[in-house]
N, C-alpha and C. Protein backbone atom coordinates (compact mmCIF):
# COMPACT_ATOMS: atom_id res chain seq x y z
N MET A 1 37.63 -5.20 -18.27
CA MET A 1 36.92 -4.43 -19.25
C MET A 1 37.06 -2.92 -18.96
N ILE A 2 36.92 -2.53 -17.71
CA ILE A 2 37.04 -1.11 -17.37
C ILE A 2 38.46 -0.63 -17.64
N ALA A 3 39.44 -1.47 -17.30
CA ALA A 3 40.84 -1.10 -17.55
C ALA A 3 41.08 -0.91 -19.04
N GLU A 4 40.47 -1.75 -19.87
CA GLU A 4 40.63 -1.62 -21.33
C GLU A 4 40.03 -0.32 -21.84
N VAL A 5 38.87 0.04 -21.34
CA VAL A 5 38.23 1.30 -21.74
C VAL A 5 39.10 2.48 -21.30
N ALA A 6 39.62 2.42 -20.09
CA ALA A 6 40.49 3.49 -19.59
C ALA A 6 41.73 3.63 -20.48
N THR A 7 42.34 2.52 -20.84
CA THR A 7 43.52 2.55 -21.71
C THR A 7 43.17 3.13 -23.07
N ALA A 8 42.06 2.70 -23.63
CA ALA A 8 41.64 3.19 -24.95
C ALA A 8 41.41 4.69 -24.97
N HIS A 9 41.04 5.24 -23.82
CA HIS A 9 40.75 6.68 -23.75
C HIS A 9 41.85 7.46 -23.02
N ALA A 10 42.99 6.81 -22.82
CA ALA A 10 44.15 7.43 -22.17
C ALA A 10 43.81 8.02 -20.80
N VAL A 11 43.05 7.25 -20.03
CA VAL A 11 42.65 7.64 -18.68
C VAL A 11 43.32 6.67 -17.70
N THR A 12 43.78 7.20 -16.59
CA THR A 12 44.41 6.34 -15.58
C THR A 12 43.36 5.43 -14.95
N TYR A 13 43.67 4.15 -14.91
CA TYR A 13 42.79 3.17 -14.28
C TYR A 13 43.35 2.85 -12.90
N LEU A 14 42.54 2.93 -11.89
CA LEU A 14 42.94 2.59 -10.53
C LEU A 14 42.33 1.24 -10.18
N PRO A 15 43.15 0.22 -9.95
CA PRO A 15 42.65 -1.13 -9.71
C PRO A 15 42.12 -1.34 -8.28
N LEU A 16 41.17 -0.54 -7.89
CA LEU A 16 40.65 -0.61 -6.52
C LEU A 16 39.93 -1.93 -6.26
N HIS A 17 39.07 -2.33 -7.17
CA HIS A 17 38.33 -3.59 -6.96
C HIS A 17 39.30 -4.76 -6.78
N GLU A 18 40.30 -4.81 -7.63
CA GLU A 18 41.28 -5.89 -7.56
C GLU A 18 42.01 -5.89 -6.22
N ARG A 19 42.40 -4.71 -5.75
CA ARG A 19 43.09 -4.61 -4.46
C ARG A 19 42.17 -4.99 -3.30
N GLN A 20 40.90 -4.59 -3.38
CA GLN A 20 39.96 -4.96 -2.33
C GLN A 20 39.76 -6.48 -2.30
N MET A 21 39.63 -7.08 -3.47
CA MET A 21 39.46 -8.53 -3.53
C MET A 21 40.69 -9.25 -2.98
N GLU A 22 41.87 -8.75 -3.31
CA GLU A 22 43.12 -9.33 -2.79
C GLU A 22 43.16 -9.22 -1.26
N GLU A 23 42.79 -8.07 -0.76
CA GLU A 23 42.77 -7.85 0.69
C GLU A 23 41.79 -8.81 1.38
N LEU A 24 40.62 -8.98 0.79
CA LEU A 24 39.62 -9.88 1.36
C LEU A 24 40.07 -11.33 1.30
N ARG A 25 40.72 -11.73 0.20
CA ARG A 25 41.23 -13.10 0.10
C ARG A 25 42.27 -13.35 1.19
N GLN A 26 43.15 -12.39 1.42
CA GLN A 26 44.19 -12.56 2.44
C GLN A 26 43.60 -12.59 3.84
N ALA A 27 42.58 -11.80 4.09
CA ALA A 27 41.94 -11.76 5.41
C ALA A 27 41.12 -13.02 5.67
N ASP A 28 40.60 -13.62 4.60
CA ASP A 28 39.79 -14.84 4.66
C ASP A 28 38.66 -14.74 5.71
N PRO A 29 37.82 -13.71 5.59
CA PRO A 29 36.73 -13.55 6.56
C PRO A 29 35.64 -14.60 6.34
N PRO A 30 34.82 -14.84 7.36
CA PRO A 30 33.70 -15.76 7.17
C PRO A 30 32.73 -15.17 6.14
N PRO A 31 32.05 -16.03 5.38
CA PRO A 31 31.09 -15.50 4.39
C PRO A 31 29.98 -14.72 5.08
N ILE A 32 29.68 -13.57 4.51
CA ILE A 32 28.61 -12.72 5.04
C ILE A 32 27.71 -12.36 3.87
N PRO A 33 26.43 -12.71 3.93
CA PRO A 33 25.55 -12.38 2.81
C PRO A 33 25.37 -10.87 2.69
N TYR A 34 25.34 -10.41 1.45
CA TYR A 34 25.12 -8.99 1.20
C TYR A 34 23.66 -8.66 1.44
N ARG A 35 23.42 -7.57 2.14
CA ARG A 35 22.05 -7.07 2.33
C ARG A 35 22.01 -5.66 1.79
N GLU A 36 20.95 -5.34 1.11
CA GLU A 36 20.78 -3.97 0.61
C GLU A 36 20.80 -3.00 1.78
N VAL A 37 21.46 -1.89 1.57
CA VAL A 37 21.48 -0.87 2.62
C VAL A 37 20.14 -0.16 2.62
N THR A 38 19.51 -0.19 3.76
CA THR A 38 18.21 0.47 3.92
C THR A 38 18.39 1.66 4.85
N PRO A 39 17.42 2.56 4.89
CA PRO A 39 17.52 3.67 5.85
C PRO A 39 17.70 3.17 7.29
N ALA A 40 17.04 2.08 7.62
CA ALA A 40 17.16 1.54 8.98
C ALA A 40 18.58 1.05 9.25
N ALA A 41 19.19 0.40 8.26
CA ALA A 41 20.57 -0.08 8.43
C ALA A 41 21.53 1.09 8.57
N GLY A 42 21.33 2.11 7.76
CA GLY A 42 22.16 3.30 7.86
C GLY A 42 22.00 3.98 9.20
N LEU A 43 20.78 4.01 9.69
CA LEU A 43 20.50 4.60 11.00
C LEU A 43 21.19 3.79 12.10
N GLY A 44 21.26 2.47 11.89
CA GLY A 44 21.93 1.62 12.87
C GLY A 44 23.39 2.01 13.07
N VAL A 45 24.08 2.29 11.97
CA VAL A 45 25.47 2.73 12.06
C VAL A 45 25.55 4.07 12.78
N LEU A 46 24.65 4.98 12.42
CA LEU A 46 24.65 6.30 13.07
C LEU A 46 24.41 6.20 14.57
N VAL A 47 23.48 5.34 14.97
CA VAL A 47 23.20 5.16 16.40
C VAL A 47 24.42 4.59 17.11
N GLN A 48 25.05 3.59 16.48
CA GLN A 48 26.24 3.01 17.10
C GLN A 48 27.35 4.05 17.25
N ARG A 49 27.50 4.91 16.24
CA ARG A 49 28.54 5.95 16.29
C ARG A 49 28.19 7.03 17.32
N ALA A 50 27.00 7.61 17.21
CA ALA A 50 26.65 8.78 18.00
C ALA A 50 26.24 8.44 19.43
N VAL A 51 25.43 7.42 19.59
CA VAL A 51 24.90 7.10 20.92
C VAL A 51 25.83 6.16 21.68
N LEU A 52 26.25 5.09 21.02
CA LEU A 52 27.09 4.10 21.69
C LEU A 52 28.58 4.44 21.61
N ARG A 53 28.91 5.46 20.84
CA ARG A 53 30.29 5.94 20.70
C ARG A 53 31.25 4.87 20.19
N ARG A 54 30.77 4.01 19.30
CA ARG A 54 31.63 2.99 18.71
C ARG A 54 32.34 3.56 17.50
N SER A 55 33.58 3.15 17.32
CA SER A 55 34.32 3.58 16.13
C SER A 55 33.82 2.79 14.92
N LEU A 56 34.10 3.32 13.73
CA LEU A 56 33.72 2.60 12.52
C LEU A 56 34.42 1.25 12.46
N ASP A 57 35.64 1.18 12.95
CA ASP A 57 36.36 -0.10 12.97
C ASP A 57 35.70 -1.10 13.92
N THR A 58 35.21 -0.61 15.05
CA THR A 58 34.51 -1.49 16.00
C THR A 58 33.21 -2.00 15.38
N ILE A 59 32.49 -1.12 14.72
CA ILE A 59 31.24 -1.53 14.05
C ILE A 59 31.55 -2.60 13.01
N SER A 60 32.59 -2.38 12.23
CA SER A 60 32.99 -3.37 11.21
C SER A 60 33.33 -4.70 11.86
N ARG A 61 34.16 -4.65 12.90
CA ARG A 61 34.60 -5.87 13.57
C ARG A 61 33.41 -6.63 14.14
N ARG A 62 32.45 -5.93 14.74
CA ARG A 62 31.27 -6.58 15.30
C ARG A 62 30.42 -7.24 14.22
N ARG A 63 30.50 -6.72 13.00
CA ARG A 63 29.74 -7.27 11.87
C ARG A 63 30.57 -8.24 11.03
N ASN A 64 31.80 -8.53 11.47
CA ASN A 64 32.73 -9.40 10.74
C ASN A 64 33.04 -8.88 9.34
N LEU A 65 33.07 -7.56 9.18
CA LEU A 65 33.41 -6.95 7.90
C LEU A 65 34.85 -6.47 7.94
N VAL A 66 35.58 -6.64 6.85
CA VAL A 66 37.01 -6.33 6.81
C VAL A 66 37.27 -4.89 6.39
N LEU A 67 36.60 -4.42 5.33
CA LEU A 67 36.92 -3.12 4.75
C LEU A 67 35.83 -2.07 4.93
N THR A 68 34.65 -2.48 5.32
CA THR A 68 33.52 -1.55 5.39
C THR A 68 32.75 -1.70 6.70
N THR A 69 31.84 -0.75 6.92
CA THR A 69 30.95 -0.85 8.09
C THR A 69 29.64 -1.52 7.72
N ASP A 70 29.29 -1.47 6.42
CA ASP A 70 27.98 -1.94 5.98
C ASP A 70 27.97 -2.42 4.53
N HIS A 71 29.10 -2.91 4.06
CA HIS A 71 29.30 -3.36 2.67
C HIS A 71 29.46 -2.19 1.70
N ILE A 72 29.35 -0.96 2.16
CA ILE A 72 29.49 0.20 1.28
C ILE A 72 30.47 1.21 1.86
N HIS A 73 30.21 1.70 3.05
CA HIS A 73 31.00 2.77 3.65
C HIS A 73 32.26 2.19 4.29
N GLN A 74 33.39 2.81 4.00
CA GLN A 74 34.69 2.28 4.40
C GLN A 74 34.99 2.49 5.88
N ASN A 75 35.70 1.51 6.45
CA ASN A 75 36.29 1.71 7.77
C ASN A 75 37.71 2.23 7.54
N SER A 76 38.53 2.32 8.57
CA SER A 76 39.87 2.90 8.37
C SER A 76 40.74 2.03 7.47
N ARG A 77 40.59 0.73 7.56
CA ARG A 77 41.37 -0.17 6.70
C ARG A 77 40.97 -0.01 5.24
N GLY A 78 39.67 0.06 4.97
CA GLY A 78 39.19 0.26 3.60
C GLY A 78 39.60 1.61 3.05
N ALA A 79 39.52 2.65 3.89
CA ALA A 79 39.90 3.99 3.45
C ALA A 79 41.40 4.06 3.17
N ALA A 80 42.21 3.40 3.99
CA ALA A 80 43.66 3.39 3.77
C ALA A 80 43.99 2.68 2.46
N LEU A 81 43.27 1.61 2.18
CA LEU A 81 43.49 0.88 0.92
C LEU A 81 43.16 1.76 -0.28
N ILE A 82 42.07 2.49 -0.21
CA ILE A 82 41.70 3.42 -1.29
C ILE A 82 42.79 4.47 -1.46
N ALA A 83 43.28 5.01 -0.36
CA ALA A 83 44.33 6.03 -0.42
C ALA A 83 45.60 5.47 -1.06
N GLU A 84 45.96 4.23 -0.73
CA GLU A 84 47.14 3.59 -1.32
C GLU A 84 46.98 3.44 -2.83
N VAL A 85 45.81 2.99 -3.26
CA VAL A 85 45.56 2.80 -4.69
C VAL A 85 45.62 4.14 -5.43
N ILE A 86 45.02 5.16 -4.86
CA ILE A 86 45.05 6.49 -5.48
C ILE A 86 46.48 7.01 -5.53
N ASP A 87 47.20 6.88 -4.43
CA ASP A 87 48.59 7.35 -4.37
C ASP A 87 49.44 6.63 -5.42
N ALA A 88 49.33 5.32 -5.50
CA ALA A 88 50.10 4.56 -6.50
C ALA A 88 49.72 4.98 -7.91
N GLY A 89 48.44 5.23 -8.15
CA GLY A 89 47.99 5.66 -9.47
C GLY A 89 48.53 7.02 -9.83
N LEU A 90 48.57 7.93 -8.87
CA LEU A 90 49.11 9.27 -9.13
C LEU A 90 50.61 9.22 -9.38
N LEU A 91 51.32 8.38 -8.60
CA LEU A 91 52.76 8.26 -8.79
C LEU A 91 53.07 7.67 -10.16
N ALA A 92 52.32 6.64 -10.56
CA ALA A 92 52.53 6.02 -11.87
C ALA A 92 52.24 7.00 -12.99
N ARG A 93 51.23 7.79 -12.81
CA ARG A 93 50.83 8.77 -13.83
C ARG A 93 51.87 9.86 -14.00
N ASN A 94 52.49 10.25 -12.89
CA ASN A 94 53.47 11.33 -12.92
C ASN A 94 54.89 10.85 -13.22
N ALA A 95 55.07 9.55 -13.34
CA ALA A 95 56.42 8.99 -13.59
C ALA A 95 56.83 9.14 -15.04
């Protein structure tokens, strides 16, 4: 639906959701229930980063998350995927 709206308005559509879903299917991670991000959860990531000196990728791995640290904020793999989608979209647009 979003792609159709983008096409109708001559706007470039970046299939990020589709690429993330493809990446998750290929990784086949164990099911993890989504939890709303709360201030305490956000603080947990900050404590792990600042106090425990854990990388975002380590935090993700410890939580069995593939693309994010907390279902929202990207780790390096998630950020690289976003960059690839943007790059491909810009190349297609300029072709």
